[in-house]
Amino acid sequence: MKQLMQMLTRSRNYTDTNIGEIAQTTIELAEEIDDLKADKPMAISFSIPTTGWQNDGTTNYPYYYDLAVSDVTAADHATVTIALEGIGTAAACGLCAMNETIAGAIRLRAASVPAAAIPAEYWLETGRSES
């Protein structure tokens, strides 16, 4: 019985030591992952105006508006969502469901200039640099 108790004690000590090391390593890895993960995008409210639109003659969506966003690049991705109260106005002007990012702006396109301001939000996802 004494040998069994000694063996159980050694097993418990071994397990306690290893579980503690594994737990500490897991905590350290979780902290590293938290430090490395991408920032969560934040919604930015804005209004698509009725002025400032340009026409480049592009088929289907000749009008474009460049929403100035100082830190955006062509490698980034922007998601634009129209607010419920602006959907009718967006549909009436043929606002394109797609957009593009260019240096310093999110480019929105439409078949015609909107008759009224359109409330919206955008989210940015930082793109990868090609270096």
N, C-alpha and C. Protein backbone atom coordinates (compact mmCIF):
# COMPACT_ATOMS: atom_id res chain seq x y z
N MET A 1 0.82 -1.19 0.00
CA MET A 1 0.00 0.00 0.00
C MET A 1 0.87 1.25 0.00
N LYS A 2 2.00 1.21 0.70
CA LYS A 2 2.90 2.33 0.77
C LYS A 2 3.44 2.67 -0.62
N GLN A 3 3.77 1.64 -1.43
CA GLN A 3 4.27 1.87 -2.77
C GLN A 3 3.19 2.51 -3.66
N LEU A 4 1.98 2.06 -3.50
CA LEU A 4 0.87 2.62 -4.26
C LEU A 4 0.68 4.09 -3.92
N MET A 5 0.75 4.45 -2.64
CA MET A 5 0.62 5.84 -2.20
C MET A 5 1.76 6.70 -2.76
N GLN A 6 2.98 6.16 -2.77
CA GLN A 6 4.12 6.89 -3.32
C GLN A 6 3.93 7.13 -4.82
N MET A 7 3.48 6.10 -5.52
CA MET A 7 3.25 6.21 -6.95
C MET A 7 2.16 7.24 -7.25
N LEU A 8 1.09 7.22 -6.49
CA LEU A 8 0.01 8.19 -6.68
C LEU A 8 0.49 9.61 -6.38
N THR A 9 1.31 9.78 -5.36
CA THR A 9 1.85 11.09 -5.01
C THR A 9 2.75 11.61 -6.13
N ARG A 10 3.62 10.75 -6.66
CA ARG A 10 4.49 11.15 -7.76
C ARG A 10 3.68 11.51 -9.01
N SER A 11 2.64 10.74 -9.28
CA SER A 11 1.77 11.02 -10.43
C SER A 11 1.10 12.37 -10.28
N ARG A 12 0.59 12.64 -9.07
CA ARG A 12 -0.07 13.92 -8.81
C ARG A 12 0.91 15.07 -8.97
N ASN A 13 2.11 14.95 -8.43
CA ASN A 13 3.12 16.00 -8.55
C ASN A 13 3.51 16.24 -10.00
N TYR A 14 3.69 15.16 -10.75
CA TYR A 14 4.03 15.26 -12.17
C TYR A 14 2.91 15.98 -12.93
N THR A 15 1.68 15.57 -12.69
CA THR A 15 0.52 16.16 -13.36
C THR A 15 0.37 17.63 -12.99
N ASP A 16 0.48 17.96 -11.71
CA ASP A 16 0.35 19.35 -11.27
C ASP A 16 1.39 20.24 -11.94
N THR A 17 2.61 19.77 -12.02
CA THR A 17 3.69 20.55 -12.64
C THR A 17 3.42 20.77 -14.12
N ASN A 18 3.08 19.71 -14.85
CA ASN A 18 2.86 19.82 -16.30
C ASN A 18 1.61 20.61 -16.64
N ILE A 19 0.55 20.44 -15.88
CA ILE A 19 -0.67 21.21 -16.16
C ILE A 19 -0.41 22.69 -15.93
N GLY A 20 0.35 23.02 -14.90
CA GLY A 20 0.71 24.41 -14.66
C GLY A 20 1.50 25.01 -15.81
N GLU A 21 2.46 24.25 -16.34
CA GLU A 21 3.27 24.72 -17.47
C GLU A 21 2.41 24.88 -18.72
N ILE A 22 1.54 23.93 -18.97
CA ILE A 22 0.65 24.00 -20.13
C ILE A 22 -0.28 25.20 -20.01
N ALA A 23 -0.83 25.41 -18.83
CA ALA A 23 -1.74 26.55 -18.62
C ALA A 23 -1.00 27.87 -18.85
N GLN A 24 0.21 27.99 -18.35
CA GLN A 24 0.99 29.22 -18.53
C GLN A 24 1.31 29.44 -20.00
N THR A 25 1.71 28.39 -20.70
CA THR A 25 2.01 28.50 -22.13
C THR A 25 0.76 28.91 -22.91
N THR A 26 -0.39 28.35 -22.56
CA THR A 26 -1.65 28.69 -23.21
C THR A 26 -1.98 30.17 -23.01
N ILE A 27 -1.80 30.66 -21.81
CA ILE A 27 -2.06 32.08 -21.52
C ILE A 27 -1.14 32.97 -22.36
N GLU A 28 0.14 32.62 -22.41
CA GLU A 28 1.10 33.41 -23.19
C GLU A 28 0.76 33.41 -24.67
N LEU A 29 0.35 32.26 -25.22
CA LEU A 29 -0.04 32.19 -26.63
C LEU A 29 -1.28 33.02 -26.90
N ALA A 30 -2.25 32.97 -26.01
CA ALA A 30 -3.48 33.76 -26.17
C ALA A 30 -3.16 35.26 -26.17
N GLU A 31 -2.24 35.68 -25.32
CA GLU A 31 -1.83 37.08 -25.29
C GLU A 31 -1.13 37.49 -26.58
N GLU A 32 -0.30 36.61 -27.12
CA GLU A 32 0.38 36.90 -28.39
C GLU A 32 -0.62 37.01 -29.53
N ILE A 33 -1.58 36.10 -29.58
CA ILE A 33 -2.61 36.14 -30.62
C ILE A 33 -3.41 37.43 -30.51
N ASP A 34 -3.76 37.83 -29.30
CA ASP A 34 -4.52 39.06 -29.09
C ASP A 34 -3.74 40.27 -29.58
N ASP A 35 -2.43 40.27 -29.36
CA ASP A 35 -1.58 41.37 -29.82
C ASP A 35 -1.47 41.41 -31.34
N LEU A 36 -1.53 40.25 -32.00
CA LEU A 36 -1.33 40.17 -33.44
C LEU A 36 -2.60 40.30 -34.26
N LYS A 37 -3.75 40.03 -33.66
CA LYS A 37 -4.98 40.02 -34.45
C LYS A 37 -5.29 41.40 -35.01
N ALA A 38 -5.97 41.41 -36.14
CA ALA A 38 -6.33 42.67 -36.79
C ALA A 38 -7.33 43.44 -35.94
N ASP A 39 -7.24 44.75 -36.03
CA ASP A 39 -8.21 45.57 -35.33
C ASP A 39 -9.60 45.30 -35.90
N LYS A 40 -10.59 45.29 -35.04
CA LYS A 40 -11.95 45.11 -35.50
C LYS A 40 -12.40 46.39 -36.20
N PRO A 41 -12.99 46.25 -37.38
CA PRO A 41 -13.43 47.46 -38.07
C PRO A 41 -14.55 48.16 -37.30
N MET A 42 -14.60 49.45 -37.43
CA MET A 42 -15.61 50.24 -36.75
C MET A 42 -16.45 50.95 -37.82
N ALA A 43 -17.75 50.96 -37.66
CA ALA A 43 -18.64 51.61 -38.60
C ALA A 43 -18.50 53.12 -38.48
N ILE A 44 -18.40 53.78 -39.64
CA ILE A 44 -18.33 55.24 -39.71
C ILE A 44 -19.58 55.72 -40.46
N SER A 45 -20.38 56.53 -39.80
CA SER A 45 -21.58 57.08 -40.43
C SER A 45 -21.19 58.24 -41.33
N PHE A 46 -21.86 58.35 -42.46
CA PHE A 46 -21.64 59.47 -43.37
C PHE A 46 -22.89 59.66 -44.21
N SER A 47 -22.89 60.69 -45.02
CA SER A 47 -24.01 60.98 -45.89
C SER A 47 -23.49 61.10 -47.32
N ILE A 48 -24.11 60.39 -48.24
CA ILE A 48 -23.75 60.51 -49.65
C ILE A 48 -24.45 61.77 -50.16
N PRO A 49 -23.69 62.78 -50.56
CA PRO A 49 -24.30 64.07 -50.89
C PRO A 49 -24.88 64.13 -52.30
N THR A 50 -25.53 65.24 -52.60
CA THR A 50 -26.07 65.48 -53.94
C THR A 50 -25.11 66.33 -54.77
N THR A 51 -24.04 66.82 -54.15
CA THR A 51 -23.06 67.64 -54.86
C THR A 51 -21.70 66.94 -54.83
N GLY A 52 -20.82 67.37 -55.73
CA GLY A 52 -19.47 66.82 -55.76
C GLY A 52 -19.31 65.59 -56.64
N TRP A 53 -20.35 65.23 -57.36
CA TRP A 53 -20.28 64.08 -58.25
C TRP A 53 -19.59 64.46 -59.56
N GLN A 54 -18.87 63.52 -60.14
CA GLN A 54 -18.19 63.69 -61.42
C GLN A 54 -18.76 62.68 -62.41
N ASN A 55 -18.57 62.93 -63.71
CA ASN A 55 -19.04 62.02 -64.74
C ASN A 55 -17.84 61.64 -65.60
N ASP A 56 -17.55 60.33 -65.65
CA ASP A 56 -16.44 59.87 -66.48
C ASP A 56 -16.91 59.06 -67.68
N GLY A 57 -18.23 59.04 -67.91
CA GLY A 57 -18.78 58.37 -69.08
C GLY A 57 -18.78 56.86 -69.02
N THR A 58 -18.46 56.28 -67.86
CA THR A 58 -18.46 54.83 -67.71
C THR A 58 -19.86 54.29 -67.98
N THR A 59 -19.94 53.22 -68.75
CA THR A 59 -21.23 52.61 -69.06
C THR A 59 -21.92 52.16 -67.78
N ASN A 60 -23.21 52.30 -67.69
CA ASN A 60 -24.09 51.92 -66.58
C ASN A 60 -23.97 52.82 -65.35
N TYR A 61 -22.76 53.17 -64.93
CA TYR A 61 -22.57 53.98 -63.73
C TYR A 61 -21.60 55.13 -64.03
N PRO A 62 -22.03 56.10 -64.85
CA PRO A 62 -21.10 57.16 -65.26
C PRO A 62 -20.76 58.18 -64.17
N TYR A 63 -21.60 58.28 -63.15
CA TYR A 63 -21.36 59.25 -62.09
C TYR A 63 -20.61 58.60 -60.92
N TYR A 64 -19.65 59.34 -60.40
CA TYR A 64 -18.92 58.83 -59.24
C TYR A 64 -18.71 59.95 -58.23
N TYR A 65 -18.64 59.54 -56.99
CA TYR A 65 -18.37 60.46 -55.88
C TYR A 65 -17.25 59.86 -55.05
N ASP A 66 -16.21 60.64 -54.81
CA ASP A 66 -15.09 60.18 -53.99
C ASP A 66 -15.26 60.68 -52.57
N LEU A 67 -15.60 59.76 -51.67
CA LEU A 67 -15.73 60.07 -50.25
C LEU A 67 -14.33 60.12 -49.66
N ALA A 68 -13.91 61.29 -49.22
CA ALA A 68 -12.55 61.45 -48.68
C ALA A 68 -12.39 60.68 -47.37
N VAL A 69 -11.41 59.77 -47.35
CA VAL A 69 -11.03 59.00 -46.16
C VAL A 69 -9.51 59.00 -46.17
N SER A 70 -8.91 59.80 -45.31
CA SER A 70 -7.48 60.09 -45.40
C SER A 70 -6.57 58.87 -45.39
N ASP A 71 -6.88 57.85 -44.62
CA ASP A 71 -5.94 56.73 -44.49
C ASP A 71 -6.27 55.52 -45.37
N VAL A 72 -7.22 55.63 -46.27
CA VAL A 72 -7.58 54.50 -47.13
C VAL A 72 -6.60 54.41 -48.30
N THR A 73 -6.33 53.18 -48.73
CA THR A 73 -5.46 52.93 -49.88
C THR A 73 -6.20 52.07 -50.89
N ALA A 74 -5.64 51.94 -52.07
CA ALA A 74 -6.24 51.10 -53.10
C ALA A 74 -6.24 49.63 -52.71
N ALA A 75 -5.38 49.24 -51.78
CA ALA A 75 -5.32 47.84 -51.33
C ALA A 75 -6.39 47.51 -50.29
N ASP A 76 -7.04 48.54 -49.74
CA ASP A 76 -8.05 48.32 -48.70
C ASP A 76 -9.37 47.88 -49.31
N HIS A 77 -10.27 47.44 -48.45
CA HIS A 77 -11.62 47.04 -48.86
C HIS A 77 -12.61 47.83 -48.02
N ALA A 78 -13.59 48.44 -48.66
CA ALA A 78 -14.62 49.20 -47.95
C ALA A 78 -15.97 48.53 -48.17
N THR A 79 -16.71 48.37 -47.09
CA THR A 79 -18.08 47.90 -47.16
C THR A 79 -18.98 49.08 -46.84
N VAL A 80 -19.87 49.42 -47.76
CA VAL A 80 -20.78 50.54 -47.58
C VAL A 80 -22.19 49.99 -47.45
N THR A 81 -22.89 50.44 -46.41
CA THR A 81 -24.27 50.01 -46.19
C THR A 81 -25.17 51.24 -46.15
N ILE A 82 -26.23 51.22 -46.93
CA ILE A 82 -27.19 52.32 -46.97
C ILE A 82 -28.18 52.15 -45.83
N ALA A 83 -28.47 53.25 -45.13
CA ALA A 83 -29.47 53.21 -44.05
C ALA A 83 -30.85 52.98 -44.65
N LEU A 84 -31.71 52.36 -43.89
CA LEU A 84 -33.05 52.01 -44.35
C LEU A 84 -33.77 53.20 -44.97
N GLU A 85 -33.68 54.37 -44.35
CA GLU A 85 -34.40 55.54 -44.86
C GLU A 85 -33.81 56.10 -46.16
N GLY A 86 -32.64 55.61 -46.58
CA GLY A 86 -32.03 56.08 -47.81
C GLY A 86 -32.12 55.10 -48.97
N ILE A 87 -32.72 53.94 -48.73
CA ILE A 87 -32.75 52.91 -49.77
C ILE A 87 -33.52 53.36 -51.02
N GLY A 88 -34.65 54.03 -50.84
CA GLY A 88 -35.44 54.50 -51.98
C GLY A 88 -34.66 55.49 -52.84
N THR A 89 -33.98 56.43 -52.21
CA THR A 89 -33.18 57.41 -52.94
C THR A 89 -32.02 56.74 -53.65
N ALA A 90 -31.39 55.78 -52.98
CA ALA A 90 -30.28 55.04 -53.59
C ALA A 90 -30.75 54.25 -54.81
N ALA A 91 -31.91 53.63 -54.70
CA ALA A 91 -32.46 52.86 -55.82
C ALA A 91 -32.83 53.79 -56.97
N ALA A 92 -33.41 54.95 -56.66
CA ALA A 92 -33.85 55.89 -57.69
C ALA A 92 -32.69 56.43 -58.52
N CYS A 93 -31.53 56.61 -57.91
CA CYS A 93 -30.37 57.12 -58.68
C CYS A 93 -29.51 55.99 -59.23
N GLY A 94 -29.89 54.75 -58.96
CA GLY A 94 -29.12 53.62 -59.46
C GLY A 94 -27.75 53.52 -58.81
N LEU A 95 -27.70 53.74 -57.50
CA LEU A 95 -26.43 53.63 -56.78
C LEU A 95 -25.89 52.22 -56.94
N CYS A 96 -24.66 52.12 -57.36
CA CYS A 96 -24.02 50.82 -57.58
C CYS A 96 -23.78 50.13 -56.25
N ALA A 97 -24.02 48.84 -56.19
CA ALA A 97 -23.83 48.06 -54.96
C ALA A 97 -22.35 47.87 -54.65
N MET A 98 -21.49 48.08 -55.63
CA MET A 98 -20.05 47.92 -55.43
C MET A 98 -19.40 49.29 -55.31
N ASN A 99 -18.25 49.32 -54.71
CA ASN A 99 -17.45 50.54 -54.63
C ASN A 99 -16.00 50.15 -54.80
N GLU A 100 -15.15 51.15 -54.85
CA GLU A 100 -13.72 50.87 -54.94
C GLU A 100 -12.97 51.80 -54.00
N THR A 101 -11.82 51.36 -53.58
CA THR A 101 -10.98 52.23 -52.77
C THR A 101 -9.82 52.72 -53.63
N ILE A 102 -9.52 53.98 -53.45
CA ILE A 102 -8.38 54.60 -54.12
C ILE A 102 -7.61 55.34 -53.03
N ALA A 103 -6.45 55.80 -53.33
CA ALA A 103 -5.66 56.51 -52.32
C ALA A 103 -6.45 57.71 -51.79
N GLY A 104 -6.82 57.65 -50.52
CA GLY A 104 -7.49 58.77 -49.86
C GLY A 104 -8.99 58.84 -50.02
N ALA A 105 -9.62 57.83 -50.65
CA ALA A 105 -11.06 57.93 -50.86
C ALA A 105 -11.72 56.57 -51.11
N ILE A 106 -13.02 56.55 -50.84
CA ILE A 106 -13.88 55.44 -51.26
C ILE A 106 -14.70 55.98 -52.42
N ARG A 107 -14.60 55.33 -53.57
CA ARG A 107 -15.32 55.79 -54.76
C ARG A 107 -16.65 55.06 -54.87
N LEU A 108 -17.72 55.86 -54.88
CA LEU A 108 -19.09 55.36 -55.06
C LEU A 108 -19.53 55.69 -56.47
N ARG A 109 -20.33 54.83 -57.09
CA ARG A 109 -20.80 55.06 -58.45
C ARG A 109 -22.33 54.98 -58.49
N ALA A 110 -22.90 55.70 -59.47
CA ALA A 110 -24.35 55.71 -59.64
C ALA A 110 -24.69 55.97 -61.11
N ALA A 111 -25.91 55.60 -61.49
CA ALA A 111 -26.39 55.86 -62.84
C ALA A 111 -26.72 57.35 -63.01
N SER A 112 -27.13 58.00 -61.91
CA SER A 112 -27.41 59.43 -61.92
C SER A 112 -27.10 59.99 -60.54
N VAL A 113 -27.02 61.29 -60.45
CA VAL A 113 -26.74 61.94 -59.17
C VAL A 113 -27.97 61.80 -58.26
N PRO A 114 -27.80 61.45 -56.99
CA PRO A 114 -28.95 61.31 -56.11
C PRO A 114 -29.70 62.63 -55.93
N ALA A 115 -31.02 62.52 -55.81
CA ALA A 115 -31.88 63.70 -55.65
C ALA A 115 -31.84 64.23 -54.22
N ALA A 116 -31.43 63.40 -53.27
CA ALA A 116 -31.34 63.80 -51.86
C ALA A 116 -30.15 63.08 -51.24
N ALA A 117 -29.68 63.62 -50.14
CA ALA A 117 -28.57 62.98 -49.44
C ALA A 117 -28.99 61.59 -48.97
N ILE A 118 -28.05 60.66 -48.99
CA ILE A 118 -28.33 59.27 -48.63
C ILE A 118 -27.52 58.91 -47.38
N PRO A 119 -28.20 58.62 -46.26
CA PRO A 119 -27.46 58.22 -45.06
C PRO A 119 -26.87 56.82 -45.22
N ALA A 120 -25.63 56.66 -44.77
CA ALA A 120 -24.95 55.38 -44.94
C ALA A 120 -23.88 55.21 -43.86
N GLU A 121 -23.25 54.03 -43.88
CA GLU A 121 -22.11 53.72 -43.02
C GLU A 121 -21.09 52.98 -43.86
N TYR A 122 -19.82 53.09 -43.46
CA TYR A 122 -18.81 52.27 -44.10
C TYR A 122 -17.90 51.64 -43.06
N TRP A 123 -17.33 50.50 -43.45
CA TRP A 123 -16.34 49.78 -42.66
C TRP A 123 -15.14 49.59 -43.55
N LEU A 124 -13.96 49.75 -42.99
CA LEU A 124 -12.74 49.53 -43.76
C LEU A 124 -12.00 48.31 -43.25
N GLU A 125 -11.48 47.53 -44.17
CA GLU A 125 -10.59 46.43 -43.86
C GLU A 125 -9.27 46.75 -44.54
N THR A 126 -8.22 46.80 -43.74
CA THR A 126 -6.91 47.15 -44.27
C THR A 126 -6.39 46.03 -45.17
N GLY A 127 -5.97 46.41 -46.34
CA GLY A 127 -5.42 45.45 -47.30
C GLY A 127 -3.95 45.17 -47.03
N ARG A 128 -3.43 44.20 -47.72
CA ARG A 128 -2.02 43.83 -47.57
C ARG A 128 -1.18 44.68 -48.51
N SER A 129 -0.04 45.09 -48.04
CA SER A 129 0.88 45.83 -48.90
C SER A 129 1.63 44.83 -49.76
N GLU A 130 2.01 45.25 -50.93
CA GLU A 130 2.72 44.36 -51.87
C GLU A 130 4.21 44.56 -51.77
N SER A 131 4.78 44.41 -50.57
CA SER A 131 6.22 44.60 -50.43
C SER A 131 6.93 43.30 -50.20
